[in-house]
Amino acid sequence: MLTRREFIRTAALFALAPHIFAEPEIWVNDVHSQLNHTRVRDLLRPRTSDELAEIVHSASRKGLPISVSGCRHSMGGQQFATDSICIDTRSLDRVISFDQERGLIEAEAGIQWSKLIRTYLHAQADKAKQWGIAQKQTGADTFTLGGSLSSNVHGRGLAMKPLISNIESFTLINADRKSIRCSRDENNELFRLATGGYGLFGLIDSVTLRLVPRQKLRREVEIIRADDLPKRFEERIAQKFLYGDF
């Protein structure tokens, strides 16, 4: 039989046990506004498509929600869900193929624009004819390709459509571990929904970009009044300027 002192000590240990043995909580946030501090159940970093598919399938079987993030620049908080399995895609960053005849490059969704650009420049270092991206998101290079597709980012192209205009195709993984290729000719509806769909229609696994011939540009900078900005954009577009920013 426990003595009074032993009983009090045992009761105290039981009371403290949840605090002593509980796993630390996992919190994530976006990198800009820092207004989306969210607790997640787990934070996983798959390194292969098979690992990604297994995570999705496992969460589906257990009835657990999934959220997915890359470099966490989406200030609206779309990449997080409370108590979800949060998938960080940044380890999925390989260039899969580069068709230098047609100007098509396929890369995993977690690759950042800077690595993608370095890779295709290195591959073409000795070529007279070279390919490059038509546009990318504004502001920084630390964005993933999959995240850019999922939010259908715009670039600095004055008369260019958002990123979807440069997407040849992509593959996404559904809850059954199935890899689905989507393009304008194959699974077209899913192609349109997932581009700008913030991950709601499946996890982007790889993206094939349609590149354009590289060309030299001349940068022109001028100081104008803010009220004149809309008119100046219209003038630059009429003058066939390709890119612009303010």
Protein backbone atom coordinates (compact mmCIF):
# COMPACT_ATOMS: atom_id res chain seq x y z
CA MET A 1 0.00 0.00 0.00
CA LEU A 2 1.30 3.45 -0.92
CA THR A 3 2.30 5.84 1.79
CA ARG A 4 0.79 9.33 1.75
CA ARG A 5 4.06 10.78 0.41
CA GLU A 6 4.30 8.14 -2.35
CA PHE A 7 0.66 8.74 -3.30
CA ILE A 8 1.22 12.51 -3.63
CA ARG A 9 4.40 11.96 -5.69
CA THR A 10 2.63 9.50 -8.02
CA ALA A 11 -0.38 11.80 -8.44
CA ALA A 12 1.92 14.71 -9.27
CA LEU A 13 3.69 12.66 -11.94
CA PHE A 14 0.36 11.71 -13.54
CA ALA A 15 -0.68 15.37 -13.56
CA LEU A 16 2.58 16.44 -15.18
CA ALA A 17 2.83 13.53 -17.62
CA PRO A 18 1.03 15.23 -20.56
CA HIS A 19 3.45 18.15 -20.29
CA ILE A 20 6.55 16.01 -19.79
CA PHE A 21 5.94 13.41 -22.49
CA ALA A 22 3.84 15.30 -25.05
CA GLU A 23 5.50 15.86 -28.41
CA PRO A 24 6.29 19.50 -29.19
CA GLU A 25 3.70 21.26 -31.31
CA ILE A 26 4.60 22.07 -34.91
CA TRP A 27 3.83 25.56 -36.16
CA VAL A 28 4.23 27.02 -39.65
CA ASN A 29 3.80 30.50 -41.07
CA ASP A 30 4.18 32.45 -44.30
CA VAL A 31 7.46 34.32 -44.73
CA HIS A 32 6.09 37.77 -45.62
CA SER A 33 3.13 38.88 -43.54
CA GLN A 34 3.71 36.34 -40.71
CA LEU A 35 -0.06 36.49 -40.12
CA ASN A 36 -0.80 32.80 -40.76
CA HIS A 37 0.74 31.12 -37.72
CA THR A 38 -0.82 27.65 -37.98
CA ARG A 39 -0.43 24.47 -35.93
CA VAL A 40 -0.06 21.33 -38.04
CA ARG A 41 -0.13 17.67 -37.06
CA ASP A 42 3.08 16.83 -38.89
CA LEU A 43 5.54 18.44 -41.30
CA LEU A 44 6.86 16.01 -43.92
CA ARG A 45 9.51 16.53 -46.61
CA PRO A 46 9.24 13.86 -49.32
CA ARG A 47 12.28 13.38 -51.57
CA THR A 48 10.71 11.28 -54.32
CA SER A 49 7.40 11.04 -56.13
CA ASP A 50 6.80 7.66 -54.51
CA GLU A 51 7.25 9.14 -51.04
CA LEU A 52 4.88 11.97 -51.93
CA ALA A 53 2.26 9.52 -53.21
CA GLU A 54 2.55 7.37 -50.08
CA ILE A 55 2.05 10.39 -47.79
CA VAL A 56 -1.07 11.42 -49.69
CA HIS A 57 -2.47 7.89 -49.70
CA SER A 58 -1.74 7.34 -46.01
CA ALA A 59 -3.43 10.60 -45.02
CA SER A 60 -6.44 9.71 -47.16
CA ARG A 61 -6.82 6.29 -45.52
CA LYS A 62 -6.67 7.86 -42.06
CA GLY A 63 -9.06 10.67 -42.97
CA LEU A 64 -6.46 13.35 -42.23
CA PRO A 65 -6.41 16.70 -44.02
CA ILE A 66 -3.39 17.65 -46.12
CA SER A 67 -1.84 21.03 -46.74
CA VAL A 68 1.09 21.67 -49.04
CA SER A 69 3.69 24.41 -49.13
CA GLY A 70 6.83 25.33 -51.01
CA CYS A 71 8.68 28.49 -50.01
CA ARG A 72 5.60 29.82 -48.14
CA HIS A 73 5.17 33.10 -49.97
CA SER A 74 1.38 32.87 -50.26
CA MET A 75 0.33 35.65 -47.90
CA GLY A 76 -3.34 34.61 -47.92
CA GLY A 77 -2.51 31.50 -45.89
CA GLN A 78 -3.79 29.10 -48.56
CA GLN A 79 -0.91 26.69 -47.98
CA PHE A 80 -1.82 25.77 -44.39
CA ALA A 81 -4.62 23.98 -42.54
CA THR A 82 -4.87 23.52 -38.79
CA ASP A 83 -3.92 20.01 -37.62
CA SER A 84 -3.17 18.91 -41.18
CA ILE A 85 -0.33 16.85 -42.56
CA CYS A 86 1.76 19.67 -44.03
CA ILE A 87 3.90 18.61 -46.99
CA ASP A 88 7.00 20.70 -47.69
CA THR A 89 7.87 20.11 -51.36
CA ARG A 90 11.27 21.80 -51.49
CA SER A 91 13.23 18.54 -51.55
CA LEU A 92 11.48 17.62 -54.80
CA ASP A 93 13.75 19.82 -56.88
CA ARG A 94 15.18 17.81 -59.78
CA VAL A 95 15.09 18.76 -63.44
CA ILE A 96 13.64 15.64 -65.04
CA SER A 97 14.19 16.37 -68.73
CA PHE A 98 15.12 19.18 -71.12
CA ASP A 99 14.10 18.93 -74.77
CA GLN A 100 16.44 21.44 -76.42
CA GLU A 101 14.89 20.90 -79.83
CA ARG A 102 11.38 21.94 -78.79
CA GLY A 103 12.20 24.13 -75.80
CA LEU A 104 10.37 22.04 -73.20
CA ILE A 105 11.73 21.50 -69.70
CA GLU A 106 10.18 19.27 -67.05
CA ALA A 107 11.06 19.67 -63.37
CA GLU A 108 9.76 18.52 -60.03
CA ALA A 109 7.29 20.85 -58.35
CA GLY A 110 9.56 21.82 -55.46
CA ILE A 111 12.33 23.29 -57.61
CA GLN A 112 12.90 27.02 -57.17
CA TRP A 113 13.12 29.32 -60.17
CA SER A 114 16.77 30.18 -59.53
CA LYS A 115 17.86 26.52 -59.70
CA LEU A 116 15.71 25.88 -62.76
CA ILE A 117 17.29 28.82 -64.60
CA ARG A 118 20.84 27.84 -63.59
CA THR A 119 20.25 24.29 -64.80
CA TYR A 120 19.04 25.13 -68.29
CA LEU A 121 21.68 27.85 -68.75
CA HIS A 122 24.42 25.36 -67.86
CA ALA A 123 22.97 22.76 -70.24
CA GLN A 124 23.07 25.26 -73.13
CA ALA A 125 26.38 26.96 -72.39
CA ASP A 126 27.94 25.97 -75.72
CA LYS A 127 24.84 26.40 -77.89
CA ALA A 128 24.23 29.24 -80.33
CA LYS A 129 20.45 28.88 -80.03
CA GLN A 130 19.31 29.00 -76.42
CA TRP A 131 15.99 28.80 -74.59
CA GLY A 132 14.76 30.66 -71.52
CA ILE A 133 11.62 31.29 -69.51
CA ALA A 134 9.10 33.76 -70.92
CA GLN A 135 8.33 35.13 -67.47
CA LYS A 136 8.25 34.26 -63.81
CA GLN A 137 6.59 35.75 -60.74
CA THR A 138 7.69 39.19 -59.64
CA GLY A 139 9.55 40.20 -56.52
CA ALA A 140 11.88 37.30 -55.71
CA ASP A 141 13.41 34.05 -56.95
CA THR A 142 12.62 31.95 -53.88
CA PHE A 143 9.35 30.54 -55.20
CA THR A 144 8.74 26.94 -56.19
CA LEU A 145 7.53 25.99 -59.63
CA GLY A 146 4.61 24.01 -58.19
CA GLY A 147 3.59 26.88 -55.93
CA SER A 148 3.72 29.28 -58.85
CA LEU A 149 1.46 27.00 -60.88
CA SER A 150 -0.91 26.44 -57.97
CA SER A 151 -1.50 30.18 -57.64
CA ASN A 152 -1.18 30.87 -61.40
CA VAL A 153 1.22 33.74 -60.79
CA HIS A 154 1.64 36.69 -63.09
CA GLY A 155 4.99 38.02 -64.22
CA ARG A 156 6.35 41.30 -65.56
CA GLY A 157 5.22 40.68 -69.12
CA LEU A 158 3.21 43.75 -70.07
CA ALA A 159 0.90 41.92 -72.45
CA MET A 160 1.47 38.36 -71.27
CA LYS A 161 -1.13 36.15 -69.65
CA PRO A 162 -0.39 34.53 -66.25
CA LEU A 163 1.84 31.49 -65.91
CA ILE A 164 -0.74 29.10 -67.37
CA SER A 165 0.18 30.43 -70.81
CA ASN A 166 3.67 28.94 -70.38
CA ILE A 167 2.58 25.58 -68.93
CA GLU A 168 2.76 22.70 -71.40
CA SER A 169 1.59 20.06 -68.92
CA PHE A 170 1.95 18.85 -65.36
CA THR A 171 1.40 15.72 -63.31
CA LEU A 172 -0.49 15.61 -60.05
CA ILE A 173 -1.03 12.89 -57.48
CA ASN A 174 -4.48 12.08 -56.14
CA ALA A 175 -5.57 10.29 -52.96
CA ASP A 176 -5.25 6.86 -54.63
CA ARG A 177 -1.53 7.43 -55.33
CA LYS A 178 -2.38 7.78 -59.02
CA SER A 179 -0.22 10.10 -61.11
CA ILE A 180 -2.37 12.04 -63.59
CA ARG A 181 -0.92 13.98 -66.52
CA CYS A 182 -2.82 17.15 -67.32
CA SER A 183 -2.53 19.37 -70.38
CA ARG A 184 -4.75 21.23 -72.82
CA ASP A 185 -5.30 17.93 -74.65
CA GLU A 186 -5.28 15.46 -71.75
CA ASN A 187 -7.48 15.86 -68.66
CA ASN A 188 -8.16 19.41 -69.79
CA GLU A 189 -10.70 20.24 -67.08
CA LEU A 190 -8.30 19.21 -64.33
CA PHE A 191 -5.57 21.20 -66.10
CA ARG A 192 -7.69 24.35 -65.83
CA LEU A 193 -8.85 23.68 -62.27
CA ALA A 194 -5.47 22.79 -60.75
CA THR A 195 -3.72 25.79 -62.33
CA GLY A 196 -4.56 28.43 -59.75
CA GLY A 197 -6.32 25.82 -57.60
CA TYR A 198 -4.02 26.16 -54.54
CA GLY A 199 -3.60 22.40 -54.24
CA LEU A 200 -7.30 21.61 -53.86
CA PHE A 201 -7.40 19.19 -56.81
CA GLY A 202 -4.31 17.12 -56.09
CA LEU A 203 -0.64 17.61 -55.31
CA ILE A 204 1.48 18.91 -58.17
CA ASP A 205 4.33 16.45 -58.74
CA SER A 206 6.07 17.81 -61.85
CA VAL A 207 5.64 20.68 -64.30
CA THR A 208 6.63 20.97 -67.97
CA LEU A 209 7.31 24.55 -69.06
CA ARG A 210 7.24 25.81 -72.62
CA LEU A 211 10.34 27.99 -73.02
CA VAL A 212 10.98 30.78 -75.53
CA PRO A 213 14.14 31.74 -77.46
CA ARG A 214 16.49 33.81 -75.31
CA GLN A 215 17.06 37.39 -76.38
CA LYS A 216 18.92 40.44 -75.16
CA LEU A 217 16.87 43.22 -73.59
CA ARG A 218 17.56 46.87 -72.93
CA ARG A 219 16.38 48.26 -69.62
CA GLU A 220 14.89 51.74 -69.51
CA VAL A 221 14.16 53.49 -66.21
CA GLU A 222 12.34 56.78 -65.72
CA ILE A 223 10.77 58.74 -62.89
CA ILE A 224 7.13 59.73 -63.38
CA ARG A 225 4.18 60.81 -61.26
CA ALA A 226 2.02 58.02 -59.84
CA ASP A 227 -1.04 59.50 -61.56
CA ASP A 228 0.64 59.00 -64.93
CA LEU A 229 1.43 55.32 -64.35
CA PRO A 230 -1.63 53.72 -66.06
CA LYS A 231 -1.16 55.87 -69.16
CA ARG A 232 2.57 55.06 -69.26
CA PHE A 233 1.84 51.33 -69.16
CA GLU A 234 -0.51 51.71 -72.13
CA GLU A 235 2.15 53.65 -74.03
CA ARG A 236 4.83 51.05 -73.33
CA ILE A 237 2.55 48.25 -74.52
CA ALA A 238 1.79 50.20 -77.71
CA GLN A 239 5.55 50.65 -78.23
CA LYS A 240 6.00 46.83 -78.04
CA PHE A 241 7.91 46.81 -74.76
CA LEU A 242 7.91 43.22 -73.48
CA TYR A 243 8.28 43.80 -69.75
CA GLY A 244 7.59 46.49 -67.21
CA ASP A 245 7.38 47.11 -63.48
CA PHE A 246 7.11 49.96 -61.02
